[in-house]
N, C-alpha and C. Protein backbone atom coordinates (compact mmCIF):
# COMPACT_ATOMS: atom_id res chain seq x y z
N UNK A 1 -36.19 260.71 -79.20
CA UNK A 1 -36.08 259.54 -80.95
C UNK A 1 -37.25 260.59 -80.88
N UNK A 2 -36.63 260.84 -82.28
CA UNK A 2 -37.70 261.58 -83.05
C UNK A 2 -38.58 260.40 -83.59
N UNK A 3 -39.85 260.88 -83.60
CA UNK A 3 -41.58 259.70 -84.04
C UNK A 3 -41.65 260.93 -85.57
N UNK A 4 -40.75 259.73 -86.43
CA UNK A 4 -41.66 260.37 -87.97
C UNK A 4 -43.06 260.53 -88.18
N UNK A 5 -43.64 260.99 -88.45
CA UNK A 5 -44.80 261.49 -89.34
C UNK A 5 -45.23 260.32 -90.48
N UNK A 6 -46.12 259.49 -90.50
CA UNK A 6 -46.29 258.74 -92.31
C UNK A 6 -47.23 259.88 -93.19
N UNK A 7 -46.28 259.99 -93.85
CA UNK A 7 -46.88 260.41 -95.10
C UNK A 7 -48.20 260.09 -95.89
N UNK A 8 -49.56 260.62 -95.20
CA UNK A 8 -50.66 260.58 -96.14
C UNK A 8 -50.83 261.25 -97.60
N UNK A 9 -51.47 259.95 -98.31
CA UNK A 9 -51.37 259.66 -99.41
C UNK A 9 -52.85 260.65 -99.65
N UNK A 10 -53.44 261.03 -100.54
CA UNK A 10 -54.51 261.97 -101.16
C UNK A 10 -55.38 260.55 -101.75
N UNK A 11 -56.50 260.54 -101.25
CA UNK A 11 -57.70 259.73 -102.06
C UNK A 11 -58.18 259.90 -103.40
N UNK A 12 -57.96 260.55 -103.39
CA UNK A 12 -58.40 261.67 -105.06
C UNK A 12 -57.89 260.55 -105.88
N UNK A 13 -59.20 260.19 -107.35
CA UNK A 13 -59.42 259.96 -108.41
C UNK A 13 -57.44 260.07 -109.12
N UNK A 14 -56.80 259.21 -109.59
CA UNK A 14 -56.35 258.98 -110.73
C UNK A 14 -56.48 260.55 -111.62
N UNK A 15 -55.07 261.05 -112.00
CA UNK A 15 -55.47 262.19 -113.17
C UNK A 15 -55.70 261.61 -114.50
N UNK A 16 -55.77 262.01 -115.58
CA UNK A 16 -55.95 261.85 -116.38
C UNK A 16 -54.94 261.72 -117.31
N UNK A 17 -53.74 262.15 -117.38
CA UNK A 17 -52.33 261.73 -117.58
C UNK A 17 -51.70 260.67 -117.36
N UNK A 18 -52.73 260.18 -115.74
CA UNK A 18 -51.87 258.71 -114.96
C UNK A 18 -52.53 257.45 -115.32
N UNK A 19 -54.43 257.48 -115.57
CA UNK A 19 -54.72 256.58 -116.67
C UNK A 19 -54.16 256.07 -118.18
N UNK A 20 -53.88 257.40 -118.61
CA UNK A 20 -53.27 257.00 -120.33
C UNK A 20 -51.85 256.61 -120.25
N UNK A 21 -51.51 256.91 -118.97
CA UNK A 21 -50.02 256.32 -118.59
C UNK A 21 -50.15 254.72 -118.77
N UNK A 22 -51.39 254.58 -117.60
CA UNK A 22 -51.40 252.91 -117.34
C UNK A 22 -51.87 252.12 -118.41
N UNK A 23 -52.28 252.95 -119.18
CA UNK A 23 -52.98 252.57 -120.33
C UNK A 23 -51.86 251.94 -121.35
N UNK A 24 -50.98 253.16 -121.30
CA UNK A 24 -50.32 253.31 -122.83
C UNK A 24 -49.00 251.83 -121.96
N UNK A 25 -48.93 252.25 -120.53
CA UNK A 25 -47.88 250.76 -119.91
C UNK A 25 -48.73 249.66 -120.35
N UNK A 26 -49.94 248.85 -120.53
CA UNK A 26 -50.43 247.56 -120.79
C UNK A 26 -50.12 247.44 -122.38
N UNK A 27 -50.90 248.49 -123.23
CA UNK A 27 -50.40 247.94 -124.33
C UNK A 27 -48.94 248.42 -125.08
N UNK A 28 -48.04 248.84 -124.66
CA UNK A 28 -46.79 249.55 -125.29
C UNK A 28 -45.43 248.49 -124.18
N UNK A 29 -46.09 247.69 -123.14
CA UNK A 29 -44.76 247.19 -122.47
C UNK A 29 -45.35 245.23 -121.87
N UNK A 30 -46.28 246.13 -121.47
CA UNK A 30 -47.71 244.48 -120.82
C UNK A 30 -47.82 243.24 -122.32
N UNK A 31 -48.36 243.54 -123.18
CA UNK A 31 -48.95 243.15 -123.92
C UNK A 31 -47.77 242.66 -124.91
N UNK A 32 -46.62 243.23 -125.45
CA UNK A 32 -45.70 242.75 -126.39
C UNK A 32 -44.70 241.75 -125.54
N UNK A 33 -44.59 241.64 -124.12
CA UNK A 33 -43.74 241.31 -123.91
C UNK A 33 -44.21 239.75 -123.38
N UNK A 34 -45.77 239.86 -122.26
CA UNK A 34 -46.35 238.83 -122.51
C UNK A 34 -46.52 237.82 -123.95
N UNK A 35 -46.51 238.47 -125.37
CA UNK A 35 -46.96 237.47 -126.23
C UNK A 35 -45.79 237.25 -127.00
N UNK A 36 -45.02 237.61 -126.15
CA UNK A 36 -43.11 237.80 -126.55
C UNK A 36 -42.72 236.41 -126.06
N UNK A 37 -43.11 236.69 -124.29
CA UNK A 37 -43.12 234.88 -123.52
C UNK A 37 -43.66 233.91 -124.75
N UNK A 38 -45.01 234.21 -124.83
CA UNK A 38 -45.63 233.65 -125.27
C UNK A 38 -45.41 232.96 -126.34
N UNK A 39 -44.97 233.33 -127.44
CA UNK A 39 -44.87 233.03 -128.26
C UNK A 39 -43.18 231.78 -128.16
N UNK A 40 -42.25 232.09 -126.99
CA UNK A 40 -41.25 231.16 -126.93
C UNK A 40 -41.34 230.24 -126.26
N UNK A 41 -42.75 230.04 -125.81
CA UNK A 41 -42.74 229.13 -124.64
C UNK A 41 -43.43 228.50 -126.04
N UNK A 42 -43.96 228.68 -127.27
CA UNK A 42 -44.95 228.04 -127.88
C UNK A 42 -43.51 227.43 -128.79
N UNK A 43 -42.78 228.05 -129.24
CA UNK A 43 -41.34 227.08 -130.24
C UNK A 43 -40.88 226.21 -128.70
N UNK A 44 -41.11 226.24 -127.94
CA UNK A 44 -40.13 225.51 -126.67
C UNK A 44 -41.33 224.38 -126.76
N UNK A 45 -41.94 224.07 -126.93
CA UNK A 45 -42.92 223.35 -127.26
C UNK A 45 -43.08 222.52 -128.10
N UNK A 46 -42.70 223.15 -129.52
CA UNK A 46 -43.11 222.68 -131.08
C UNK A 46 -41.68 221.58 -130.50
N UNK A 47 -40.56 222.60 -130.22
CA UNK A 47 -39.21 221.76 -129.51
C UNK A 47 -38.90 219.99 -129.32
N UNK A 48 -39.74 220.50 -127.95
CA UNK A 48 -39.91 219.53 -127.07
C UNK A 48 -41.16 217.66 -127.82
N UNK A 49 -42.31 218.24 -127.95
CA UNK A 49 -43.08 217.80 -129.41
C UNK A 49 -42.51 216.86 -130.62
N UNK A 50 -41.33 217.45 -131.42
CA UNK A 50 -40.95 217.10 -131.80
C UNK A 50 -39.48 216.46 -131.79
N UNK A 51 -39.06 216.54 -130.33
CA UNK A 51 -38.37 215.81 -129.83
C UNK A 51 -38.05 214.38 -128.80
N UNK A 52 -39.41 214.34 -128.84
CA UNK A 52 -40.26 213.42 -127.98
C UNK A 52 -40.84 212.56 -129.26
N UNK A 53 -41.64 212.89 -130.30
CA UNK A 53 -41.80 211.69 -130.90
C UNK A 53 -41.09 211.36 -131.75
N UNK A 54 -39.95 212.23 -132.30
CA UNK A 54 -38.73 210.84 -133.72
C UNK A 54 -37.67 210.38 -132.65
N UNK A 55 -37.21 209.43 -133.41
CA UNK A 55 -36.19 208.76 -132.89
C UNK A 55 -34.49 209.09 -132.85
N UNK A 56 -33.99 209.02 -132.30
CA UNK A 56 -32.41 209.19 -132.63
C UNK A 56 -32.67 211.16 -132.51
N UNK A 57 -32.99 212.27 -132.11
CA UNK A 57 -33.54 213.43 -132.07
C UNK A 57 -33.12 213.95 -132.98
N UNK A 58 -33.79 213.02 -134.33
CA UNK A 58 -33.51 214.29 -135.69
C UNK A 58 -33.51 215.51 -136.04
N UNK A 59 -35.05 215.24 -135.80
CA UNK A 59 -35.37 217.00 -136.15
C UNK A 59 -35.12 217.58 -134.96
N UNK A 60 -34.49 217.60 -134.06
CA UNK A 60 -33.80 218.42 -133.11
C UNK A 60 -32.64 218.67 -133.29
N UNK A 61 -31.90 217.83 -133.93
CA UNK A 61 -30.38 218.24 -134.09
C UNK A 61 -30.67 219.46 -135.62
N UNK A 62 -31.04 219.06 -136.42
CA UNK A 62 -31.38 220.39 -137.13
C UNK A 62 -31.94 221.70 -136.55
N UNK A 63 -32.91 221.62 -135.16
CA UNK A 63 -33.16 223.56 -134.76
C UNK A 63 -31.64 223.62 -134.07
N UNK A 64 -30.96 222.36 -133.66
CA UNK A 64 -29.74 222.51 -132.96
C UNK A 64 -28.73 223.54 -133.59
N UNK A 65 -29.02 223.03 -134.84
CA UNK A 65 -27.44 223.29 -136.54
C UNK A 65 -28.47 224.51 -136.45
N UNK A 66 -30.35 225.28 -137.43
CA UNK A 66 -30.00 225.97 -136.68
C UNK A 66 -30.12 227.19 -136.33
N UNK A 67 -30.06 227.52 -134.92
CA UNK A 67 -29.74 228.27 -134.16
C UNK A 67 -28.43 227.90 -133.75
N UNK A 68 -27.34 227.84 -134.11
CA UNK A 68 -26.31 227.64 -134.22
C UNK A 68 -25.82 228.69 -135.48
N UNK A 69 -26.37 228.64 -136.54
CA UNK A 69 -26.18 229.57 -137.21
C UNK A 69 -26.25 230.61 -136.85
N UNK A 70 -27.72 231.03 -136.56
CA UNK A 70 -28.13 232.31 -135.85
C UNK A 70 -27.54 232.78 -134.68
N UNK A 71 -26.66 231.86 -134.26
CA UNK A 71 -25.78 232.35 -132.65
C UNK A 71 -24.64 233.08 -133.33
N UNK A 72 -24.11 232.95 -134.72
CA UNK A 72 -22.73 232.75 -134.94
C UNK A 72 -22.75 233.14 -136.12
N UNK A 73 -24.18 233.65 -136.67
CA UNK A 73 -23.61 235.10 -137.20
C UNK A 73 -23.61 235.89 -136.99
N UNK A 74 -24.04 236.41 -135.82
CA UNK A 74 -23.56 237.46 -134.95
C UNK A 74 -22.47 238.30 -134.92
N UNK A 75 -21.90 237.29 -134.53
CA UNK A 75 -20.48 237.12 -133.82
C UNK A 75 -19.39 237.20 -135.56
N UNK A 76 -19.82 236.67 -137.06
CA UNK A 76 -19.65 236.93 -138.12
C UNK A 76 -19.98 238.47 -138.71
N UNK A 77 -20.91 239.01 -137.37
CA UNK A 77 -21.16 239.78 -138.96
C UNK A 77 -20.62 241.26 -137.50
N UNK A 78 -20.08 240.96 -136.46
CA UNK A 78 -19.15 242.09 -135.69
C UNK A 78 -17.99 241.93 -136.10
N UNK A 79 -17.60 240.48 -136.72
CA UNK A 79 -15.81 239.88 -136.99
C UNK A 79 -15.52 241.19 -138.34
N UNK A 80 -16.58 240.74 -139.25
CA UNK A 80 -16.34 241.91 -140.68
C UNK A 80 -16.62 243.32 -140.27
N UNK A 81 -17.51 244.05 -139.28
CA UNK A 81 -17.35 245.56 -139.15
C UNK A 81 -16.11 245.63 -138.84
N UNK A 82 -15.36 244.61 -137.66
CA UNK A 82 -14.29 245.39 -137.65
C UNK A 82 -13.19 245.26 -138.32
N UNK A 83 -13.19 243.97 -138.64
CA UNK A 83 -12.06 243.87 -139.86
C UNK A 83 -11.96 244.76 -140.57
N UNK A 84 -13.31 245.08 -141.84
CA UNK A 84 -13.84 246.48 -142.49
C UNK A 84 -12.51 247.74 -141.94
N UNK A 85 -13.41 248.02 -140.49
CA UNK A 85 -12.72 249.40 -139.38
C UNK A 85 -10.89 249.13 -139.08
N UNK A 86 -11.21 248.20 -139.20
CA UNK A 86 -9.66 247.70 -139.24
C UNK A 86 -8.74 248.12 -140.91
N UNK A 87 -8.88 247.62 -141.95
CA UNK A 87 -8.31 247.40 -143.31
C UNK A 87 -8.66 248.97 -143.41
N UNK A 88 -9.30 249.53 -142.86
CA UNK A 88 -9.60 251.37 -143.34
C UNK A 88 -8.87 252.58 -142.51
N UNK A 89 -8.37 251.64 -141.51
CA UNK A 89 -7.43 252.29 -140.82
C UNK A 89 -5.98 252.44 -141.11
N UNK A 90 -5.59 251.41 -141.71
CA UNK A 90 -4.23 250.62 -142.14
C UNK A 90 -4.07 251.24 -142.99
N UNK A 91 -5.31 251.93 -143.86
CA UNK A 91 -5.15 252.44 -145.28
C UNK A 91 -5.15 253.84 -145.33
N UNK A 92 -5.40 254.63 -144.26
CA UNK A 92 -5.28 255.32 -143.96
C UNK A 92 -4.14 255.94 -143.65
N UNK A 93 -3.77 255.46 -142.91
CA UNK A 93 -2.29 255.33 -141.82
C UNK A 93 -1.09 255.06 -143.00
N UNK A 94 -1.36 254.12 -144.17
CA UNK A 94 -0.33 254.33 -145.19
C UNK A 94 -0.35 255.32 -146.20
N UNK A 95 -1.73 255.77 -145.85
CA UNK A 95 -1.86 257.53 -147.09
C UNK A 95 -1.13 258.34 -146.59
N UNK A 96 -1.46 258.05 -144.36
CA UNK A 96 -0.81 259.58 -144.02
C UNK A 96 0.84 259.28 -143.90
N UNK A 97 1.35 258.55 -143.79
CA UNK A 97 2.98 257.54 -143.59
C UNK A 97 3.35 258.33 -145.20
N UNK A 98 2.66 258.25 -145.91
CA UNK A 98 3.64 258.76 -147.48
C UNK A 98 3.53 260.67 -147.35
N UNK A 99 2.23 261.21 -147.02
CA UNK A 99 1.48 262.84 -147.43
C UNK A 99 2.54 263.61 -145.58
N UNK A 100 2.42 262.86 -145.18
CA UNK A 100 3.06 263.90 -143.60
C UNK A 100 3.99 263.90 -143.43
N UNK A 101 5.43 263.27 -144.45
CA UNK A 101 7.19 263.60 -144.01
C UNK A 101 6.96 265.41 -144.65
N UNK A 102 6.58 265.34 -145.70
CA UNK A 102 6.64 267.01 -145.98
C UNK A 102 5.77 267.96 -145.14
N UNK A 103 4.75 267.70 -144.37
CA UNK A 103 4.21 269.00 -143.45
C UNK A 103 4.67 268.80 -142.12
N UNK A 104 5.88 267.60 -141.72
CA UNK A 104 6.07 267.37 -140.32
C UNK A 104 7.41 267.56 -140.39
N UNK A 105 8.38 268.11 -141.39
CA UNK A 105 9.65 268.87 -141.34
C UNK A 105 9.13 270.27 -141.08
N UNK A 106 8.85 271.25 -142.11
CA UNK A 106 8.29 272.20 -141.95
C UNK A 106 8.27 272.40 -139.98
N UNK A 107 7.55 271.56 -139.45
CA UNK A 107 6.52 271.70 -138.15
C UNK A 107 8.32 271.17 -137.05
N UNK A 108 8.35 270.68 -137.46
CA UNK A 108 9.88 270.26 -136.50
C UNK A 108 11.21 271.22 -136.57
N UNK A 109 11.22 272.02 -137.50
CA UNK A 109 12.28 273.44 -137.60
C UNK A 109 11.16 274.56 -136.99
N UNK A 110 10.29 274.47 -136.78
CA UNK A 110 9.56 275.62 -136.16
C UNK A 110 9.62 275.48 -134.85
N UNK A 111 9.41 273.97 -134.72
CA UNK A 111 9.66 273.55 -133.16
C UNK A 111 11.39 273.82 -132.40
N UNK A 112 12.10 273.19 -133.48
CA UNK A 112 13.26 273.54 -132.87
C UNK A 112 13.53 275.00 -132.36
N UNK A 113 13.31 275.98 -133.44
CA UNK A 113 13.82 277.59 -133.59
C UNK A 113 13.07 277.48 -132.33
N UNK A 114 12.30 277.62 -132.04
CA UNK A 114 11.48 278.03 -131.08
C UNK A 114 11.53 277.23 -128.73
N UNK A 115 12.59 276.41 -129.51
CA UNK A 115 13.18 275.52 -127.81
C UNK A 115 14.09 276.27 -127.72
N UNK A 116 14.74 276.60 -129.17
CA UNK A 116 16.39 277.38 -128.67
C UNK A 116 16.37 278.72 -128.45
N UNK A 117 14.65 279.49 -128.48
CA UNK A 117 15.03 280.25 -128.31
C UNK A 117 14.34 280.54 -126.04
N UNK A 118 13.62 279.54 -126.34
CA UNK A 118 13.04 279.35 -125.23
C UNK A 118 14.70 279.04 -124.49
N UNK A 119 15.17 277.87 -124.47
CA UNK A 119 17.08 277.97 -123.59
C UNK A 119 17.71 279.34 -123.83
N UNK A 120 17.91 279.82 -124.50
CA UNK A 120 17.91 281.40 -124.90
C UNK A 120 17.51 282.16 -124.01
N UNK A 121 16.33 282.67 -123.76
CA UNK A 121 16.05 283.41 -122.56
C UNK A 121 15.54 282.73 -121.36
N UNK A 122 16.06 281.49 -121.26
CA UNK A 122 15.82 281.24 -119.40
C UNK A 122 17.17 281.74 -119.04
N UNK A 123 18.43 280.90 -120.14
CA UNK A 123 19.74 281.71 -119.93
C UNK A 123 20.36 282.44 -119.55
N UNK A 124 19.53 283.94 -120.48
CA UNK A 124 20.21 284.65 -120.08
C UNK A 124 18.88 285.48 -118.85
N UNK A 125 18.27 284.68 -118.20
CA UNK A 125 17.39 284.52 -117.31
C UNK A 125 17.58 284.59 -115.83
N UNK A 126 18.86 283.39 -116.62
CA UNK A 126 19.30 282.79 -114.73
C UNK A 126 20.85 283.27 -114.45
N UNK A 127 21.21 283.84 -116.01
CA UNK A 127 22.47 284.71 -115.74
C UNK A 127 23.07 285.35 -114.88
N UNK A 128 22.60 285.94 -114.13
CA UNK A 128 22.88 287.32 -113.45
C UNK A 128 22.82 286.39 -112.22
N UNK A 129 21.69 286.35 -111.91
CA UNK A 129 22.03 284.82 -110.62
C UNK A 129 23.32 283.79 -110.28
N UNK A 130 23.58 283.04 -111.28
CA UNK A 130 24.34 282.42 -111.91
C UNK A 130 25.46 283.45 -111.43
N UNK A 131 26.47 284.53 -112.15
CA UNK A 131 27.35 284.87 -111.86
C UNK A 131 27.67 285.65 -110.43
N UNK A 132 26.26 285.61 -109.93
CA UNK A 132 26.39 286.58 -108.30
C UNK A 132 27.19 284.76 -107.24
N UNK A 133 26.26 283.94 -107.66
CA UNK A 133 26.93 283.23 -106.83
C UNK A 133 28.06 282.06 -107.35
N UNK A 134 28.70 282.29 -108.25
CA UNK A 134 29.80 281.85 -108.82
C UNK A 134 30.66 282.57 -107.99
N UNK A 135 30.51 284.28 -108.31
CA UNK A 135 31.33 285.09 -107.48
C UNK A 135 31.62 284.80 -105.44
N UNK A 136 30.50 284.47 -105.49
CA UNK A 136 30.36 284.24 -103.95
C UNK A 136 31.30 282.69 -103.67
N UNK A 137 31.24 281.85 -104.42
CA UNK A 137 31.55 280.51 -104.48
C UNK A 137 33.32 280.77 -104.12
N UNK A 138 33.17 281.40 -105.51
CA UNK A 138 35.19 281.85 -105.80
C UNK A 138 35.53 282.52 -104.50
N UNK A 139 35.07 283.68 -104.01
CA UNK A 139 35.09 284.30 -102.47
C UNK A 139 35.31 283.46 -101.45
N UNK A 140 34.59 282.88 -101.26
CA UNK A 140 34.77 282.14 -100.46
C UNK A 140 35.92 281.24 -100.35
N UNK A 141 36.06 280.51 -101.49
CA UNK A 141 37.21 279.85 -101.85
C UNK A 141 38.10 280.42 -101.91
N UNK A 142 38.28 281.28 -101.92
CA UNK A 142 39.65 281.99 -101.95
C UNK A 142 40.07 282.52 -99.99
N UNK A 143 39.05 282.87 -99.53
CA UNK A 143 39.25 283.64 -98.36
C UNK A 143 39.94 281.83 -97.16
N UNK A 144 39.34 280.61 -97.77
CA UNK A 144 39.64 279.42 -97.11
C UNK A 144 40.56 278.87 -97.67
N UNK A 145 40.95 279.25 -98.75
CA UNK A 145 42.57 279.26 -98.80
C UNK A 145 43.78 280.28 -98.58
N UNK A 146 43.22 281.73 -98.10
CA UNK A 146 44.49 281.96 -97.40
C UNK A 146 43.87 281.81 -95.92
N UNK A 147 43.32 281.10 -95.81
CA UNK A 147 43.11 281.40 -94.07
C UNK A 147 43.66 279.97 -94.11
N UNK A 148 43.87 278.99 -95.23
CA UNK A 148 43.86 277.77 -94.25
C UNK A 148 42.87 276.72 -94.15
N UNK A 149 41.84 276.84 -94.16
CA UNK A 149 40.88 275.54 -93.67
C UNK A 149 40.53 274.59 -95.18
N UNK A 150 40.33 273.97 -94.46
CA UNK A 150 40.19 272.68 -95.88
C UNK A 150 38.46 272.48 -95.94
N UNK A 151 37.79 272.61 -96.85
CA UNK A 151 36.54 271.75 -97.19
C UNK A 151 36.47 270.30 -97.32
N UNK A 152 35.60 270.13 -96.96
CA UNK A 152 35.48 268.34 -98.04
C UNK A 152 34.49 268.16 -97.48
């Protein structure tokens, strides 16, 4: 077995860009996330305190209702955007169905003309081979009939 040598790390001081990265990481990532977590914890504490102080959970119900409104607004906004896109597509398709037959008829005629040319060319290309094969089959059938052989 081969023993792997450990990789030695240099003990030099961090570069200027690494120090700048550490400072930016602290101020642009750690501090905003920490403040967000702190804000959520404060809101959670306020909800718990309002639930404990009141009877029958009246303010908690109001907070729950407000939260439900905020949660459902995202779904409603998405549904509105989806509905507008769907209506736009239906409108465009309805207009296209009125316009397209004018332009698709000549395309169909050209396609039919091209396919007819391809079929005609393919028939002309294989005609000699078919003629040779049919002549061979007729000759074989004639010889079999003359010699009295039966093919099943």
